[in-house]
């Protein structure tokens, strides 16, 4: 009987750990994000931004090429010193979104940890529904190999097919940007 009890307890622990891991990886893009952790610094949106200098003028600009597929603009973004992903430029997204597939890859590679968990967020998704999700800190995002953003809050969609969206969680850190459709570049004005 003791062996059976130990087995049941072990299975319950396994299920609890598995559920916690899945819960940590569930999020989606959108709405009013609220952090549950006291260590959250609201100034991260403006204070953690660096870039590779490309000119000496007062109005620094950096041009990053994009690829357009089916009318959607994709830009290369390197996450936490790991892989480079093609992310959709989406100014309609209030933050930054990655799918559970990318989050699992980053976690398995040691590039996203439990310490990166920021808390829960309420998000409105495209169909108008509100979902509660978890938010993680990405320590470093390098856009187009030139612009470095530190401590970016990212939500994770539990939809494995969700596209990766580079939204206003990054664009709000930059003075302004414009799109040069003729040369297929996004021009960041720093």
C-alpha atoms as a PDB file:
ATOM      1  CA  UNK A   1       0.000   0.000   0.000  1.00  0.00           C
ATOM      2  CA  UNK A   2       2.880   2.358   0.793  1.00  0.00           C
ATOM      3  CA  UNK A   3       4.355   1.885  -2.682  1.00  0.00           C
ATOM      4  CA  UNK A   4       1.015   2.778  -4.276  1.00  0.00           C
ATOM      5  CA  UNK A   5       0.712   5.884  -2.096  1.00  0.00           C
ATOM      6  CA  UNK A   6       4.218   6.979  -3.089  1.00  0.00           C
ATOM      7  CA  UNK A   7       3.356   6.437  -6.748  1.00  0.00           C
ATOM      8  CA  UNK A   8       0.179   8.528  -6.437  1.00  0.00           C
ATOM      9  CA  UNK A   9       2.061  11.306  -4.638  1.00  0.00           C
ATOM     10  CA  UNK A  10       4.828  11.261  -7.276  1.00  0.00           C
ATOM     11  CA  UNK A  11       2.243  11.443 -10.076  1.00  0.00           C
ATOM     12  CA  UNK A  12       0.482  14.349  -8.362  1.00  0.00           C
ATOM     13  CA  UNK A  13       3.797  16.213  -8.030  1.00  0.00           C
ATOM     14  CA  UNK A  14       4.601  15.543 -11.678  1.00  0.00           C
ATOM     15  CA  UNK A  15       1.195  16.817 -12.784  1.00  0.00           C
ATOM     16  CA  UNK A  16       1.525  19.924 -10.592  1.00  0.00           C
ATOM     17  CA  UNK A  17       4.960  20.718 -12.052  1.00  0.00           C
ATOM     18  CA  UNK A  18       3.694  20.097 -15.585  1.00  0.00           C
ATOM     19  CA  UNK A  19       0.652  22.338 -15.063  1.00  0.00           C
ATOM     20  CA  UNK A  20       2.860  25.084 -13.589  1.00  0.00           C
ATOM     21  CA  UNK A  21       5.228  24.875 -16.563  1.00  0.00           C
ATOM     22  CA  UNK A  22       2.364  25.090 -19.052  1.00  0.00           C
ATOM     23  CA  UNK A  23       0.789  27.964 -17.112  1.00  0.00           C
ATOM     24  CA  UNK A  24       4.061  29.885 -17.198  1.00  0.00           C
ATOM     25  CA  UNK A  25       4.223  29.601 -20.977  1.00  0.00           C
ATOM     26  CA  UNK A  26       0.653  30.751 -21.719  1.00  0.00           C
ATOM     27  CA  UNK A  27       0.137  34.358 -22.854  1.00  0.00           C
ATOM     28  CA  UNK A  28      -1.039  36.425 -25.829  1.00  0.00           C
ATOM     29  CA  UNK A  29      -0.623  39.885 -27.292  1.00  0.00           C
ATOM     30  CA  UNK A  30      -2.759  42.850 -26.436  1.00  0.00           C
ATOM     31  CA  UNK A  31      -4.408  44.876 -23.785  1.00  0.00           C
ATOM     32  CA  UNK A  32      -3.806  46.265 -20.379  1.00  0.00           C
ATOM     33  CA  UNK A  33      -0.828  44.522 -18.884  1.00  0.00           C
ATOM     34  CA  UNK A  34      -0.553  44.383 -15.114  1.00  0.00           C
ATOM     35  CA  UNK A  35       2.466  42.969 -13.375  1.00  0.00           C
ATOM     36  CA  UNK A  36       2.133  40.976 -10.186  1.00  0.00           C
ATOM     37  CA  UNK A  37       5.771  41.279  -9.216  1.00  0.00           C
ATOM     38  CA  UNK A  38       7.010  44.184  -7.110  1.00  0.00           C
ATOM     39  CA  UNK A  39      10.376  44.205  -8.888  1.00  0.00           C
ATOM     40  CA  UNK A  40       8.732  45.478 -12.100  1.00  0.00           C
ATOM     41  CA  UNK A  41      10.244  48.838 -13.046  1.00  0.00           C
ATOM     42  CA  UNK A  42       7.861  51.029 -15.078  1.00  0.00           C
ATOM     43  CA  UNK A  43      10.830  52.960 -16.474  1.00  0.00           C
ATOM     44  CA  UNK A  44      12.115  49.981 -18.444  1.00  0.00           C
ATOM     45  CA  UNK A  45      10.280  51.245 -21.503  1.00  0.00           C
ATOM     46  CA  UNK A  46      12.552  54.289 -21.834  1.00  0.00           C
ATOM     47  CA  UNK A  47      15.761  53.588 -19.931  1.00  0.00           C
ATOM     48  CA  UNK A  48      17.033  50.388 -21.518  1.00  0.00           C
ATOM     49  CA  UNK A  49      17.620  51.256 -25.130  1.00  0.00           C
ATOM     50  CA  UNK A  50      20.924  51.311 -26.993  1.00  0.00           C
ATOM     51  CA  UNK A  51      21.820  51.351 -30.640  1.00  0.00           C
ATOM     52  CA  UNK A  52      24.712  51.039 -33.013  1.00  0.00           C
ATOM     53  CA  UNK A  53      25.766  54.520 -34.100  1.00  0.00           C
ATOM     54  CA  UNK A  54      25.584  54.986 -37.849  1.00  0.00           C
ATOM     55  CA  UNK A  55      25.996  58.761 -38.233  1.00  0.00           C
ATOM     56  CA  UNK A  56      27.066  61.844 -36.311  1.00  0.00           C
ATOM     57  CA  UNK A  57      24.019  64.045 -36.860  1.00  0.00           C
ATOM     58  CA  UNK A  58      21.769  65.109 -33.990  1.00  0.00           C
ATOM     59  CA  UNK A  59      18.865  63.158 -35.493  1.00  0.00           C
ATOM     60  CA  UNK A  60      20.230  59.620 -35.405  1.00  0.00           C
ATOM     61  CA  UNK A  61      18.572  57.264 -37.846  1.00  0.00           C
ATOM     62  CA  UNK A  62      19.048  53.575 -38.323  1.00  0.00           C
ATOM     63  CA  UNK A  63      17.608  51.755 -41.318  1.00  0.00           C
ATOM     64  CA  UNK A  64      16.658  48.119 -40.892  1.00  0.00           C
ATOM     65  CA  UNK A  65      15.591  46.051 -43.905  1.00  0.00           C
ATOM     66  CA  UNK A  66      12.349  44.128 -43.857  1.00  0.00           C
ATOM     67  CA  UNK A  67      10.966  41.290 -45.937  1.00  0.00           C
ATOM     68  CA  UNK A  68       7.382  41.470 -47.137  1.00  0.00           C
ATOM     69  CA  UNK A  69       5.314  38.307 -47.525  1.00  0.00           C
ATOM     70  CA  UNK A  70       1.649  38.510 -48.515  1.00  0.00           C
ATOM     71  CA  UNK A  71       1.512  42.189 -47.555  1.00  0.00           C
ATOM     72  CA  UNK A  72       3.001  41.589 -44.090  1.00  0.00           C
ATOM     73  CA  UNK A  73       6.343  43.116 -43.076  1.00  0.00           C
ATOM     74  CA  UNK A  74       8.840  40.885 -41.233  1.00  0.00           C
ATOM     75  CA  UNK A  75      11.960  42.095 -39.463  1.00  0.00           C
ATOM     76  CA  UNK A  76      14.834  40.046 -38.005  1.00  0.00           C
ATOM     77  CA  UNK A  77      14.972  40.009 -34.189  1.00  0.00           C
ATOM     78  CA  UNK A  78      17.553  38.154 -32.093  1.00  0.00           C
ATOM     79  CA  UNK A  79      16.299  37.127 -28.639  1.00  0.00           C
ATOM     80  CA  UNK A  80      18.517  36.804 -25.548  1.00  0.00           C
ATOM     81  CA  UNK A  81      21.659  36.155 -27.563  1.00  0.00           C
ATOM     82  CA  UNK A  82      20.047  33.104 -29.102  1.00  0.00           C
ATOM     83  CA  UNK A  83      18.278  32.567 -32.387  1.00  0.00           C
ATOM     84  CA  UNK A  84      17.109  35.244 -34.792  1.00  0.00           C
ATOM     85  CA  UNK A  85      13.388  35.158 -35.536  1.00  0.00           C
ATOM     86  CA  UNK A  86      11.420  36.885 -38.286  1.00  0.00           C
ATOM     87  CA  UNK A  87       8.835  38.938 -36.408  1.00  0.00           C
ATOM     88  CA  UNK A  88       5.857  40.768 -37.887  1.00  0.00           C
ATOM     89  CA  UNK A  89       5.971  44.548 -37.555  1.00  0.00           C
ATOM     90  CA  UNK A  90       2.615  45.196 -35.853  1.00  0.00           C
ATOM     91  CA  UNK A  91       1.906  48.684 -34.523  1.00  0.00           C
ATOM     92  CA  UNK A  92      -1.571  47.458 -33.548  1.00  0.00           C
ATOM     93  CA  UNK A  93      -0.053  45.167 -30.919  1.00  0.00           C
ATOM     94  CA  UNK A  94       0.416  46.983 -27.612  1.00  0.00           C
ATOM     95  CA  UNK A  95       3.352  44.801 -26.606  1.00  0.00           C
ATOM     96  CA  UNK A  96       5.437  42.006 -28.053  1.00  0.00           C
ATOM     97  CA  UNK A  97       4.083  38.506 -28.707  1.00  0.00           C
ATOM     98  CA  UNK A  98       5.747  35.144 -29.103  1.00  0.00           C
ATOM     99  CA  UNK A  99       3.959  31.823 -29.396  1.00  0.00           C
ATOM    100  CA  UNK A 100       4.241  28.958 -26.963  1.00  0.00           C
ATOM    101  CA  UNK A 101       6.405  27.150 -29.529  1.00  0.00           C
ATOM    102  CA  UNK A 102       9.098  29.859 -29.403  1.00  0.00           C
ATOM    103  CA  UNK A 103       8.785  30.182 -25.613  1.00  0.00           C
ATOM    104  CA  UNK A 104       9.330  26.445 -25.184  1.00  0.00           C
ATOM    105  CA  UNK A 105      12.353  26.571 -27.484  1.00  0.00           C
ATOM    106  CA  UNK A 106      13.832  29.494 -25.541  1.00  0.00           C
ATOM    107  CA  UNK A 107      13.160  27.727 -22.222  1.00  0.00           C
ATOM    108  CA  UNK A 108      14.690  24.441 -23.411  1.00  0.00           C
ATOM    109  CA  UNK A 109      17.738  26.385 -24.634  1.00  0.00           C
ATOM    110  CA  UNK A 110      18.134  28.096 -21.249  1.00  0.00           C
ATOM    111  CA  UNK A 111      17.346  31.512 -22.763  1.00  0.00           C
ATOM    112  CA  UNK A 112      14.063  31.935 -20.858  1.00  0.00           C
ATOM    113  CA  UNK A 113      13.827  30.925 -17.203  1.00  0.00           C
ATOM    114  CA  UNK A 114      11.391  30.967 -14.335  1.00  0.00           C
ATOM    115  CA  UNK A 115      13.207  34.077 -13.038  1.00  0.00           C
ATOM    116  CA  UNK A 116      12.084  35.894 -16.204  1.00  0.00           C
ATOM    117  CA  UNK A 117       8.432  35.563 -15.194  1.00  0.00           C
ATOM    118  CA  UNK A 118       6.940  39.048 -14.612  1.00  0.00           C
ATOM    119  CA  UNK A 119       3.377  38.233 -13.590  1.00  0.00           C
ATOM    120  CA  UNK A 120      -0.062  38.023 -15.158  1.00  0.00           C
ATOM    121  CA  UNK A 121      -1.617  40.339 -17.719  1.00  0.00           C
ATOM    122  CA  UNK A 122      -5.084  40.884 -19.100  1.00  0.00           C
ATOM    123  CA  UNK A 123      -5.015  40.976 -22.875  1.00  0.00           C
ATOM    124  CA  UNK A 124      -7.658  41.608 -25.482  1.00  0.00           C
ATOM    125  CA  UNK A 125      -7.184  39.440 -28.526  1.00  0.00           C
ATOM    126  CA  UNK A 126      -8.293  39.928 -32.121  1.00  0.00           C
ATOM    127  CA  UNK A 127     -11.708  38.309 -31.598  1.00  0.00           C
ATOM    128  CA  UNK A 128     -12.461  40.817 -28.810  1.00  0.00           C
ATOM    129  CA  UNK A 129     -12.227  38.399 -25.909  1.00  0.00           C
ATOM    130  CA  UNK A 130     -10.161  39.126 -22.799  1.00  0.00           C
ATOM    131  CA  UNK A 131      -7.697  36.525 -21.570  1.00  0.00           C
ATOM    132  CA  UNK A 132      -5.409  36.418 -18.558  1.00  0.00           C
ATOM    133  CA  UNK A 133      -1.877  35.433 -19.409  1.00  0.00           C
ATOM    134  CA  UNK A 134       1.628  35.460 -18.076  1.00  0.00           C
ATOM    135  CA  UNK A 135       4.326  37.909 -19.062  1.00  0.00           C
ATOM    136  CA  UNK A 136       8.052  37.231 -19.292  1.00  0.00           C
ATOM    137  CA  UNK A 137      11.078  39.490 -19.453  1.00  0.00           C
ATOM    138  CA  UNK A 138      13.296  39.157 -22.486  1.00  0.00           C
ATOM    139  CA  UNK A 139      16.649  40.475 -21.340  1.00  0.00           C
ATOM    140  CA  UNK A 140      17.780  41.536 -24.792  1.00  0.00           C
ATOM    141  CA  UNK A 141      16.209  41.925 -28.221  1.00  0.00           C
ATOM    142  CA  UNK A 142      18.433  42.985 -31.109  1.00  0.00           C
ATOM    143  CA  UNK A 143      16.420  44.365 -34.004  1.00  0.00           C
ATOM    144  CA  UNK A 144      17.977  43.964 -37.420  1.00  0.00           C
ATOM    145  CA  UNK A 145      21.383  43.379 -35.859  1.00  0.00           C
ATOM    146  CA  UNK A 146      21.610  47.082 -34.939  1.00  0.00           C
ATOM    147  CA  UNK A 147      19.110  48.223 -32.299  1.00  0.00           C
ATOM    148  CA  UNK A 148      19.345  46.698 -28.822  1.00  0.00           C
ATOM    149  CA  UNK A 149      16.374  46.829 -26.449  1.00  0.00           C
ATOM    150  CA  UNK A 150      16.881  45.526 -22.920  1.00  0.00           C
ATOM    151  CA  UNK A 151      14.247  44.151 -20.569  1.00  0.00           C
ATOM    152  CA  UNK A 152      11.332  43.823 -22.969  1.00  0.00           C
ATOM    153  CA  UNK A 153       8.085  42.447 -21.545  1.00  0.00           C
ATOM    154  CA  UNK A 154       6.737  39.709 -23.810  1.00  0.00           C
ATOM    155  CA  UNK A 155       3.462  37.812 -23.681  1.00  0.00           C
ATOM    156  CA  UNK A 156       3.250  34.238 -24.901  1.00  0.00           C
ATOM    157  CA  UNK A 157       0.290  32.946 -26.884  1.00  0.00           C
ATOM    158  CA  UNK A 158      -0.812  29.413 -26.086  1.00  0.00           C
ATOM    159  CA  UNK A 159      -1.634  29.084 -29.790  1.00  0.00           C
ATOM    160  CA  UNK A 160       1.288  27.198 -31.310  1.00  0.00           C
ATOM    161  CA  UNK A 161       0.521  28.805 -34.695  1.00  0.00           C
ATOM    162  CA  UNK A 162       0.413  32.386 -33.391  1.00  0.00           C
ATOM    163  CA  UNK A 163       2.714  34.705 -35.312  1.00  0.00           C
ATOM    164  CA  UNK A 164       5.528  36.509 -33.532  1.00  0.00           C
ATOM    165  CA  UNK A 165       4.604  40.194 -33.273  1.00  0.00           C
ATOM    166  CA  UNK A 166       6.981  43.084 -32.721  1.00  0.00           C
ATOM    167  CA  UNK A 167       4.641  45.746 -31.394  1.00  0.00           C
ATOM    168  CA  UNK A 168       4.539  48.933 -29.401  1.00  0.00           C
ATOM    169  CA  UNK A 169       6.356  47.381 -26.455  1.00  0.00           C
ATOM    170  CA  UNK A 170       9.429  48.106 -28.590  1.00  0.00           C
ATOM    171  CA  UNK A 171       8.255  50.914 -30.884  1.00  0.00           C
ATOM    172  CA  UNK A 172       7.202  53.120 -27.948  1.00  0.00           C
ATOM    173  CA  UNK A 173      10.850  53.214 -26.836  1.00  0.00           C
ATOM    174  CA  UNK A 174      11.893  54.922 -30.062  1.00  0.00           C
ATOM    175  CA  UNK A 175      11.304  58.625 -30.842  1.00  0.00           C
ATOM    176  CA  UNK A 176       9.700  57.788 -34.163  1.00  0.00           C
ATOM    177  CA  UNK A 177      10.009  55.516 -37.139  1.00  0.00           C
ATOM    178  CA  UNK A 178       8.933  55.507 -40.745  1.00  0.00           C
ATOM    179  CA  UNK A 179       8.591  52.891 -43.417  1.00  0.00           C
ATOM    180  CA  UNK A 180      10.411  53.257 -46.720  1.00  0.00           C
ATOM    181  CA  UNK A 181       8.374  50.941 -48.937  1.00  0.00           C
ATOM    182  CA  UNK A 182      10.459  51.673 -52.037  1.00  0.00           C
ATOM    183  CA  UNK A 183      13.664  50.419 -50.391  1.00  0.00           C
ATOM    184  CA  UNK A 184      11.943  47.926 -48.051  1.00  0.00           C
ATOM    185  CA  UNK A 185      13.392  49.462 -44.899  1.00  0.00           C
ATOM    186  CA  UNK A 186      12.095  50.668 -41.565  1.00  0.00           C
ATOM    187  CA  UNK A 187      13.850  53.868 -40.565  1.00  0.00           C
ATOM    188  CA  UNK A 188      14.183  54.368 -36.825  1.00  0.00           C
ATOM    189  CA  UNK A 189      14.635  57.975 -35.668  1.00  0.00           C
ATOM    190  CA  UNK A 190      16.398  57.839 -32.311  1.00  0.00           C
END
